[in-house]
Protein backbone atom coordinates (compact mmCIF):
# COMPACT_ATOMS: atom_id res chain seq x y z
CA UNK A 1 91.24 52.16 -33.56
CA UNK A 2 91.11 49.75 -36.50
CA UNK A 3 88.64 47.57 -34.61
CA UNK A 4 86.43 50.63 -34.14
CA UNK A 5 86.61 51.31 -37.89
CA UNK A 6 85.39 47.80 -38.68
CA UNK A 7 82.57 48.07 -36.16
CA UNK A 8 81.57 51.44 -37.59
CA UNK A 9 81.53 49.91 -41.08
CA UNK A 10 79.23 47.10 -40.00
CA UNK A 11 77.05 49.59 -38.14
CA UNK A 12 76.71 51.71 -41.27
CA UNK A 13 75.63 48.70 -43.28
CA UNK A 14 73.04 47.87 -40.64
CA UNK A 15 71.68 51.41 -40.76
CA UNK A 16 71.39 51.13 -44.52
CA UNK A 17 69.42 47.92 -44.04
CA UNK A 18 67.21 49.60 -41.46
CA UNK A 19 66.50 52.42 -43.90
CA UNK A 20 64.91 49.95 -46.32
CA UNK A 21 61.10 49.75 -46.34
CA UNK A 22 59.76 47.78 -43.38
CA UNK A 23 56.04 48.16 -44.05
CA UNK A 24 55.35 44.44 -44.09
CA UNK A 25 56.95 43.49 -40.79
CA UNK A 26 58.29 45.19 -37.69
CA UNK A 27 58.32 43.23 -34.45
CA UNK A 28 59.76 43.67 -30.97
CA UNK A 29 59.76 40.74 -28.56
CA UNK A 30 61.83 39.55 -25.63
CA UNK A 31 61.81 38.20 -22.11
CA UNK A 32 62.53 39.00 -18.49
CA UNK A 33 64.12 36.31 -16.32
CA UNK A 34 65.71 35.74 -12.94
CA UNK A 35 68.12 33.01 -11.88
CA UNK A 36 69.13 32.53 -8.23
CA UNK A 37 71.95 30.14 -7.30
CA UNK A 38 72.82 28.89 -3.83
CA UNK A 39 76.01 26.89 -3.45
CA UNK A 40 75.39 23.69 -1.53
CA UNK A 41 77.21 23.20 1.75
CA UNK A 42 80.72 21.80 1.21
CA UNK A 43 83.30 20.39 3.64
CA UNK A 44 85.73 23.10 2.49
CA UNK A 45 83.41 25.89 3.73
CA UNK A 46 83.75 27.43 7.21
CA UNK A 47 81.49 25.96 9.88
CA UNK A 48 79.33 29.10 10.02
CA UNK A 49 78.65 28.93 6.26
CA UNK A 50 75.08 27.71 5.89
CA UNK A 51 74.28 29.42 2.59
CA UNK A 52 76.44 30.82 -0.16
CA UNK A 53 74.39 32.83 -2.66
CA UNK A 54 76.52 32.93 -5.81
CA UNK A 55 74.06 34.46 -8.26
CA UNK A 56 70.92 36.62 -8.31
CA UNK A 57 70.92 37.31 -12.03
CA UNK A 58 68.08 39.33 -13.56
CA UNK A 59 68.05 39.59 -17.35
CA UNK A 60 65.95 41.71 -19.70
CA UNK A 61 66.29 40.61 -23.33
CA UNK A 62 64.93 42.61 -26.29
CA UNK A 63 64.73 41.28 -29.86
CA UNK A 64 63.99 43.43 -32.91
CA UNK A 65 62.96 41.94 -36.25
CA UNK A 66 62.25 43.97 -39.37
CA UNK A 67 61.74 43.09 -43.03
CA UNK A 68 60.57 44.67 -46.26
CA UNK A 69 57.26 43.68 -47.77
CA UNK A 70 58.84 40.87 -49.81
CA UNK A 71 61.00 39.66 -46.89
CA UNK A 72 64.09 39.91 -49.09
CA UNK A 73 65.68 42.53 -46.85
CA UNK A 74 65.71 41.74 -43.13
CA UNK A 75 67.16 43.18 -39.96
CA UNK A 76 67.68 41.39 -36.64
CA UNK A 77 69.03 42.64 -33.30
CA UNK A 78 69.22 41.02 -29.86
CA UNK A 79 70.18 43.18 -26.87
CA UNK A 80 70.08 42.19 -23.23
CA UNK A 81 70.74 43.83 -19.88
CA UNK A 82 71.92 41.75 -16.93
CA UNK A 83 72.13 42.74 -13.28
CA UNK A 84 73.42 40.83 -10.27
CA UNK A 85 74.03 42.37 -6.82
CA UNK A 86 76.30 39.47 -5.75
CA UNK A 87 79.17 40.97 -7.75
CA UNK A 88 79.54 38.56 -10.67
CA UNK A 89 79.89 41.64 -12.91
CA UNK A 90 82.35 43.34 -10.59
CA UNK A 91 84.07 45.04 -13.51
CA UNK A 92 80.80 46.73 -14.56
CA UNK A 93 79.24 47.64 -11.17
CA UNK A 94 76.94 44.59 -11.20
CA UNK A 95 75.27 45.71 -14.45
CA UNK A 96 76.20 44.39 -17.89
CA UNK A 97 74.66 44.96 -21.29
CA UNK A 98 75.37 42.79 -24.31
CA UNK A 99 74.65 43.26 -27.96
CA UNK A 100 74.36 39.54 -28.64
CA UNK A 101 73.50 39.90 -32.35
CA UNK A 102 72.84 42.75 -34.77
CA UNK A 103 72.87 42.11 -38.50
CA UNK A 104 71.15 42.88 -41.74
CA UNK A 105 70.77 40.70 -44.78
CA UNK A 106 69.43 40.12 -48.26
CA UNK A 107 67.63 36.83 -48.92
CA UNK A 108 66.47 35.23 -52.14
CA UNK A 109 65.79 31.71 -53.34
CA UNK A 110 69.33 31.07 -54.50
CA UNK A 111 71.54 33.66 -52.79
CA UNK A 112 71.58 35.24 -49.34
CA UNK A 113 73.99 37.68 -47.75
CA UNK A 114 74.35 38.81 -44.12
CA UNK A 115 76.67 41.28 -42.39
CA UNK A 116 76.95 42.35 -38.74
CA UNK A 117 77.38 40.68 -35.37
CA UNK A 118 76.20 37.09 -35.82
CA UNK A 119 75.97 33.86 -33.83
CA UNK A 120 76.47 30.84 -36.10
CA UNK A 121 75.03 27.40 -35.36
CA UNK A 122 77.07 24.74 -37.15
CA UNK A 123 76.99 21.03 -36.52
CA UNK A 124 74.40 18.26 -36.21
CA UNK A 125 75.15 16.76 -32.80
CA UNK A 126 73.56 17.82 -29.51
CA UNK A 127 75.33 20.47 -27.33
CA UNK A 128 78.89 19.45 -28.28
CA UNK A 129 79.81 20.18 -31.91
CA UNK A 130 83.39 19.59 -33.14
CA UNK A 131 82.69 21.59 -36.34
CA UNK A 132 81.21 24.66 -34.59
CA UNK A 133 84.30 26.89 -34.43
CA UNK A 134 83.24 30.39 -35.48
CA UNK A 135 81.98 31.85 -32.20
CA UNK A 136 83.85 32.21 -28.91
CA UNK A 137 82.18 31.26 -25.63
CA UNK A 138 81.47 33.20 -22.46
CA UNK A 139 83.06 30.79 -19.97
CA UNK A 140 82.98 33.00 -16.89
CA UNK A 141 80.69 30.38 -15.31
CA UNK A 142 82.11 27.57 -17.43
CA UNK A 143 79.37 25.25 -18.73
CA UNK A 144 76.70 26.10 -16.12
CA UNK A 145 74.85 28.01 -18.83
CA UNK A 146 73.56 26.20 -21.91
CA UNK A 147 75.59 26.47 -25.11
CA UNK A 148 73.16 28.90 -26.78
CA UNK A 149 73.58 31.29 -23.84
CA UNK A 150 77.37 30.96 -23.78
CA UNK A 151 77.94 31.89 -27.42
CA UNK A 152 79.34 35.33 -28.25
CA UNK A 153 78.45 36.93 -31.59
CA UNK A 154 81.24 37.83 -34.02
CA UNK A 155 81.41 40.74 -36.47
CA UNK A 156 81.34 38.95 -39.79
CA UNK A 157 79.87 38.61 -43.26
CA UNK A 158 78.56 35.49 -44.96
CA UNK A 159 77.21 34.43 -48.32
CA UNK A 160 74.98 31.36 -48.82
CA UNK A 161 74.24 29.77 -52.18
CA UNK A 162 71.19 27.48 -52.22
CA UNK A 163 69.72 25.04 -54.69
CA UNK A 164 66.98 22.60 -53.75
CA UNK A 165 68.03 20.69 -50.63
CA UNK A 166 71.63 21.88 -50.76
CA UNK A 167 73.40 25.06 -49.62
CA UNK A 168 76.96 26.32 -49.43
CA UNK A 169 77.85 29.00 -46.89
CA UNK A 170 81.12 30.95 -46.68
CA UNK A 171 81.93 33.15 -43.68
CA UNK A 172 84.57 35.85 -43.16
CA UNK A 173 85.32 37.10 -39.62
CA UNK A 174 87.74 40.06 -39.79
CA UNK A 175 87.70 41.00 -36.07
CA UNK A 176 88.89 38.15 -33.84
CA UNK A 177 87.20 37.66 -30.47
CA UNK A 178 88.52 35.20 -27.85
CA UNK A 179 86.66 33.28 -25.18
CA UNK A 180 85.82 35.10 -21.96
CA UNK A 181 87.21 33.39 -18.86
CA UNK A 182 86.53 33.63 -15.13
CA UNK A 183 88.41 36.21 -13.08
CA UNK A 184 91.40 35.01 -11.08
CA UNK A 185 89.37 35.11 -7.84
CA UNK A 186 86.36 33.27 -9.32
CA UNK A 187 85.27 29.86 -8.07
CA UNK A 188 84.97 28.86 -11.76
CA UNK A 189 88.56 29.53 -12.82
CA UNK A 190 90.03 26.36 -14.43
CA UNK A 191 93.16 25.05 -12.76
CA UNK A 192 95.21 25.49 -15.95
CA UNK A 193 94.59 29.24 -15.92
CA UNK A 194 95.10 29.35 -12.15
CA UNK A 195 98.56 27.86 -12.71
CA UNK A 196 99.49 30.75 -15.03
CA UNK A 197 98.12 33.24 -12.51
CA UNK A 198 100.21 31.59 -9.80
CA UNK A 199 103.31 32.00 -11.96
CA UNK A 200 102.58 35.70 -12.44
CA UNK A 201 101.58 36.20 -8.81
CA UNK A 202 104.74 34.53 -7.49
CA UNK A 203 106.92 37.14 -9.21
CA UNK A 204 104.81 40.32 -9.34
CA UNK A 205 107.83 42.62 -9.54
CA UNK A 206 109.65 40.57 -12.17
CA UNK A 207 106.89 39.77 -14.67
CA UNK A 208 106.14 41.68 -17.85
CA UNK A 209 102.61 40.36 -18.39
CA UNK A 210 101.24 41.13 -21.86
CA UNK A 211 97.55 40.24 -21.70
CA UNK A 212 95.26 39.59 -24.67
CA UNK A 213 97.77 39.80 -27.51
CA UNK A 214 95.11 39.11 -30.13
CA UNK A 215 96.01 39.24 -33.85
CA UNK A 216 96.04 42.62 -35.56
CA UNK A 217 92.96 43.65 -37.48
CA UNK A 218 94.07 43.15 -41.08
CA UNK A 219 92.93 41.13 -44.07
CA UNK A 220 95.51 38.37 -43.63
CA UNK A 221 94.33 37.69 -40.07
CA UNK A 222 90.64 37.18 -40.89
CA UNK A 223 89.00 33.89 -39.89
CA UNK A 224 87.63 32.02 -42.89
CA UNK A 225 85.17 29.13 -42.91
CA UNK A 226 83.02 27.32 -45.43
CA UNK A 227 80.31 24.71 -45.05
CA UNK A 228 78.36 22.55 -47.50
CA UNK A 229 75.10 21.10 -46.24
CA UNK A 230 72.37 19.04 -47.85
CA UNK A 231 69.67 16.42 -47.57
CA UNK A 232 69.51 13.21 -49.56
CA UNK A 233 66.49 11.09 -48.74
CA UNK A 234 66.32 10.69 -44.95
CA UNK A 235 69.95 11.77 -44.42
CA UNK A 236 71.14 15.27 -43.53
CA UNK A 237 74.87 15.77 -44.01
CA UNK A 238 77.42 18.54 -43.68
CA UNK A 239 81.08 19.13 -44.51
CA UNK A 240 83.18 22.09 -43.38
CA UNK A 241 86.62 23.70 -43.44
CA UNK A 242 87.97 26.35 -41.06
CA UNK A 243 91.12 28.46 -41.21
CA UNK A 244 91.41 30.86 -38.30
CA UNK A 245 92.47 31.58 -34.75
CA UNK A 246 91.84 29.43 -31.71
CA UNK A 247 89.65 31.17 -29.13
CA UNK A 248 91.67 29.50 -26.36
CA UNK A 249 94.86 31.39 -25.44
CA UNK A 250 98.38 30.07 -25.09
CA UNK A 251 101.04 31.67 -22.89
CA UNK A 252 104.34 32.47 -24.54
CA UNK A 253 106.93 32.65 -21.74
CA UNK A 254 110.45 34.03 -22.12
CA UNK A 255 113.20 34.18 -19.47
CA UNK A 256 116.08 36.65 -19.37
CA UNK A 257 118.00 35.86 -16.19
CA UNK A 258 120.94 38.17 -16.95
CA UNK A 259 121.84 39.83 -13.63
CA UNK A 260 122.97 43.07 -15.28
CA UNK A 261 119.65 43.51 -17.08
CA UNK A 262 117.78 42.66 -13.88
CA UNK A 263 119.72 45.27 -11.84
CA UNK A 264 119.08 47.79 -14.61
CA UNK A 265 115.35 47.39 -14.06
CA UNK A 266 114.49 45.00 -16.88
CA UNK A 267 111.89 42.45 -15.84
CA UNK A 268 113.38 38.99 -16.37
CA UNK A 269 110.13 37.06 -16.95
CA UNK A 270 107.82 37.85 -19.88
CA UNK A 271 104.42 36.18 -20.14
CA UNK A 272 102.43 37.00 -23.29
CA UNK A 273 98.85 35.80 -23.73
CA UNK A 274 98.58 34.95 -27.43
CA UNK A 275 96.23 33.26 -29.89
CA UNK A 276 97.31 30.82 -32.57
CA UNK A 277 96.07 30.06 -36.04
CA UNK A 278 95.15 26.55 -37.12
CA UNK A 279 93.00 24.70 -39.66
CA UNK A 280 90.18 22.21 -39.19
CA UNK A 281 88.20 19.95 -41.49
CA UNK A 282 85.21 17.85 -40.59
CA UNK A 283 81.62 16.91 -41.16
CA UNK A 284 78.62 15.09 -39.87
CA UNK A 285 75.44 13.20 -40.71
CA UNK A 286 72.01 12.73 -39.17
CA UNK A 287 69.17 10.39 -40.04
CA UNK A 288 65.69 9.87 -38.59
CA UNK A 289 64.05 6.46 -38.45
CA UNK A 290 60.63 6.49 -36.84
CA UNK A 291 60.93 7.74 -33.27
CA UNK A 292 64.74 7.43 -33.35
CA UNK A 293 67.30 9.93 -34.60
CA UNK A 294 70.97 9.08 -35.13
CA UNK A 295 73.74 11.69 -35.38
CA UNK A 296 77.48 11.77 -35.80
CA UNK A 297 79.98 14.58 -36.21
CA UNK A 298 83.75 14.95 -36.14
CA UNK A 299 86.70 17.16 -37.04
CA UNK A 300 90.48 16.99 -37.35
CA UNK A 301 92.57 19.94 -36.15
CA UNK A 302 96.04 20.69 -37.50
CA UNK A 303 98.86 20.97 -34.91
CA UNK A 304 98.26 23.50 -32.16
CA UNK A 305 100.65 24.58 -29.42
CA UNK A 306 99.99 23.68 -25.80
CA UNK A 307 101.56 25.01 -22.62
CA UNK A 308 103.70 22.54 -20.71
CA UNK A 309 103.52 21.89 -16.98
CA UNK A 310 105.18 24.25 -14.50
CA UNK A 311 107.19 23.05 -11.51
CA UNK A 312 105.06 24.58 -8.77
CA UNK A 313 107.85 24.19 -6.21
CA UNK A 314 109.65 27.03 -8.01
CA UNK A 315 106.75 29.38 -7.27
CA UNK A 316 107.27 29.40 -3.50
CA UNK A 317 109.43 32.47 -2.83
CA UNK A 318 109.79 34.73 0.22
CA UNK A 319 112.15 37.48 -0.89
CA UNK A 320 113.81 39.15 -3.86
CA UNK A 321 116.85 36.87 -3.88
CA UNK A 322 114.75 33.71 -3.81
CA UNK A 323 112.58 35.12 -6.57
CA UNK A 324 115.53 35.81 -8.83
CA UNK A 325 117.04 32.39 -8.10
CA UNK A 326 113.70 30.73 -8.90
CA UNK A 327 113.53 32.56 -12.22
CA UNK A 328 117.06 31.33 -13.00
CA UNK A 329 115.74 27.83 -12.31
CA UNK A 330 113.13 28.31 -15.03
CA UNK A 331 115.77 28.90 -17.70
CA UNK A 332 115.75 26.15 -20.31
CA UNK A 333 112.15 25.09 -19.70
CA UNK A 334 110.18 24.10 -22.78
CA UNK A 335 107.06 26.19 -22.33
CA UNK A 336 105.17 25.22 -25.49
CA UNK A 337 104.84 22.03 -27.48
CA UNK A 338 102.84 21.21 -30.60
CA UNK A 339 100.48 18.38 -31.55
CA UNK A 340 97.47 17.70 -33.81
CA UNK A 341 94.14 16.54 -32.40
CA UNK A 342 90.65 15.38 -33.32
CA UNK A 343 87.15 15.26 -31.84
CA UNK A 344 84.25 13.00 -32.71
CA UNK A 345 80.74 12.58 -31.32
CA UNK A 346 78.03 10.06 -32.08
CA UNK A 347 74.73 9.11 -30.55
CA UNK A 348 70.97 8.87 -30.82
CA UNK A 349 67.78 10.41 -29.50
CA UNK A 350 64.37 8.83 -28.99
CA UNK A 351 60.91 10.30 -28.48
CA UNK A 352 57.77 8.68 -27.16
CA UNK A 353 55.12 11.07 -28.36
CA UNK A 354 55.37 14.28 -26.38
CA UNK A 355 55.88 12.56 -23.04
CA UNK A 356 59.47 11.27 -23.08
CA UNK A 357 62.66 12.47 -24.79
CA UNK A 358 65.97 10.61 -24.40
CA UNK A 359 69.36 11.57 -25.83
CA UNK A 360 72.58 9.57 -25.43
CA UNK A 361 75.90 10.21 -27.12
CA UNK A 362 79.61 9.58 -26.79
CA UNK A 363 82.14 12.40 -27.17
CA UNK A 364 85.80 11.57 -27.79
CA UNK A 365 88.64 14.10 -27.86
CA UNK A 366 92.25 13.10 -28.38
CA UNK A 367 95.59 14.86 -28.73
CA UNK A 368 97.70 12.94 -31.23
CA UNK A 369 101.48 12.50 -30.91
CA UNK A 370 100.87 13.33 -27.27
CA UNK A 371 103.70 15.07 -25.40
CA UNK A 372 103.66 13.92 -21.77
CA UNK A 373 104.55 17.29 -20.25
CA UNK A 374 101.56 19.41 -21.35
CA UNK A 375 98.86 20.58 -18.93
CA UNK A 376 95.97 18.92 -20.81
CA UNK A 377 94.85 15.29 -20.76
CA UNK A 378 95.52 13.19 -23.86
CA UNK A 379 92.03 11.66 -23.85
CA UNK A 380 88.62 12.96 -22.93
CA UNK A 381 85.87 10.41 -23.45
CA UNK A 382 82.45 11.49 -22.24
CA UNK A 383 79.13 9.73 -22.23
CA UNK A 384 76.51 12.47 -22.22
CA UNK A 385 72.80 12.09 -21.70
CA UNK A 386 69.54 14.00 -21.46
CA UNK A 387 66.18 12.71 -20.22
CA UNK A 388 63.01 14.81 -20.31
CA UNK A 389 59.51 13.78 -19.30
CA UNK A 390 56.30 15.80 -19.66
CA UNK A 391 53.10 15.61 -17.65
CA UNK A 392 49.85 17.51 -17.13
CA UNK A 393 49.29 18.40 -20.79
CA UNK A 394 53.02 19.16 -21.16
CA UNK A 395 52.90 21.90 -18.51
CA UNK A 396 55.00 19.92 -16.01
CA UNK A 397 58.50 18.87 -17.09
CA UNK A 398 61.11 16.89 -15.18
CA UNK A 399 64.46 15.61 -16.32
CA UNK A 400 68.20 15.38 -15.95
CA UNK A 401 71.20 16.29 -18.12
CA UNK A 402 74.58 14.79 -17.37
CA UNK A 403 78.00 13.59 -18.49
CA UNK A 404 80.51 10.99 -17.33
CA UNK A 405 84.17 10.90 -18.37
CA UNK A 406 85.12 7.27 -18.92
CA UNK A 407 88.87 7.99 -18.83
CA UNK A 408 89.07 10.09 -15.66
CA UNK A 409 85.86 9.16 -13.78
CA UNK A 410 84.69 12.74 -13.35
CA UNK A 411 81.04 13.61 -13.87
CA UNK A 412 78.39 16.32 -14.05
CA UNK A 413 74.60 16.22 -13.52
CA UNK A 414 71.72 18.69 -13.76
CA UNK A 415 68.42 17.36 -12.33
CA UNK A 416 65.49 19.76 -12.61
CA UNK A 417 61.70 20.21 -12.48
CA UNK A 418 59.94 22.94 -14.50
CA UNK A 419 56.36 24.14 -14.79
CA UNK A 420 54.72 26.31 -17.45
CA UNK A 421 52.28 28.47 -15.51
CA UNK A 422 51.11 30.05 -18.77
CA UNK A 423 52.29 29.98 -22.38
CA UNK A 424 54.64 32.88 -21.57
CA UNK A 425 55.64 32.21 -17.95
CA UNK A 426 57.92 29.33 -16.91
CA UNK A 427 59.46 28.40 -13.58
CA UNK A 428 62.22 25.91 -12.90
CA UNK A 429 64.06 24.51 -9.86
CA UNK A 430 67.06 22.21 -9.93
CA UNK A 431 70.73 21.67 -9.15
CA UNK A 432 74.08 21.36 -10.88
CA UNK A 433 76.41 18.78 -9.35
CA UNK A 434 80.06 17.93 -10.06
CA UNK A 435 82.44 15.18 -8.99
CA UNK A 436 85.87 13.73 -9.68
CA UNK A 437 89.59 14.38 -9.30
CA UNK A 438 90.56 18.08 -8.90
CA UNK A 439 92.55 18.09 -12.16
CA UNK A 440 89.74 16.75 -14.36
CA UNK A 441 87.21 18.61 -16.51
CA UNK A 442 84.31 18.32 -14.03
CA UNK A 443 86.07 17.27 -10.83
CA UNK A 444 87.85 20.59 -10.36
CA UNK A 445 84.44 22.15 -9.61
CA UNK A 446 83.48 19.56 -6.99
CA UNK A 447 83.11 22.34 -4.38
CA UNK A 448 80.82 24.38 -6.63
CA UNK A 449 77.62 22.29 -6.46
CA UNK A 450 74.62 24.58 -6.37
CA UNK A 451 70.85 24.59 -6.35
CA UNK A 452 68.95 27.12 -8.41
CA UNK A 453 65.59 28.63 -9.25
CA UNK A 454 64.78 30.15 -12.63
CA UNK A 455 61.76 32.16 -13.74
CA UNK A 456 61.18 33.55 -17.22
CA UNK A 457 58.39 35.65 -18.70
CA UNK A 458 58.30 36.11 -22.49
CA UNK A 459 56.57 38.99 -24.25
């Protein structure tokens, strides 16, 4: 109910903004697109599996922009409808609509103010930004959509003070939103979440599962963030601070193996999906020198809790007695442990006119004071790259995005070819390929390689 009150408040403010004069500007634009994915033949598939169509996604996106005659009051809304008959939106009968953004604002030379559902873009690096912490991600297909498409807007308010080449933005997010994850039967479910599902599924009659225990909607639980950004000569720089909740859940597990309570009907295993608060501080810098651009960005995160590993041999049960005995065997387990961490990224991009674009960077993530029993790797060190080439007056584009983890030897690649038939109509064909050990970031999706086609018409 309180969440509804906040949403109603933001909606009222948006209506007030819409009621302002819009004589100077009122514009509706958007696009219609279709993406078809076919999973490539894998050894794990049955012999009679020649094709596995995993997506036939049609999207209609509508964008509204309005402003008063002086452009000091503005309104923006982005709504899309998505349909897929393959069942990827099984919980919504194959049709899903999303209000991606909807906000109103006041803008002047020195002060601006915005309120509503907003997607923030913080950070100076490409694709991976350690300081970009305000928005959750839609990870139902993991990273097979670009970052801009994965971001979920948050109901928030922000104030920006500007002077010359410098600005200072402060953001308040009262209504917490977590990441969206794949369903338990999805081919994109990460193995860490599958392990929790296995624990719950092994003891269906004994588990009190408390899903999505997000923080209450009150002032003390609001996410707060501030960022200072400026330009001095050829250098862009930024510094930020964040105090809020992690969009990744942790699982608080409690065991009560008392036989009397069990016989009385009390479930002995409680699994609560919770979200934890932490702080982060970081910054970045970017400089352009001729056809080269150099960027770096990093952040330190105060201690967060991580789930420890689960002895999977305890999850193999055949009857009630074995189930209860297995739960007794879980007593005394340390389910959560705490450690700080940091992330840093650095790299460069290079352009040769309009024909070639190259981006290379190194991304390093590390859990400090590493406890050996957690379900996450201590180090993730990825070399990421992007190569684009343009031909035929820039109408034909070919390239490849990719990443390679130097610590665990897993990798990801996206080769593609695209053609702009007109200014508004684009077609693309390509593939997304994965490789590596099953318990690595990319390797766990080794059986999910797919080819795709994508067509988009803008209006």
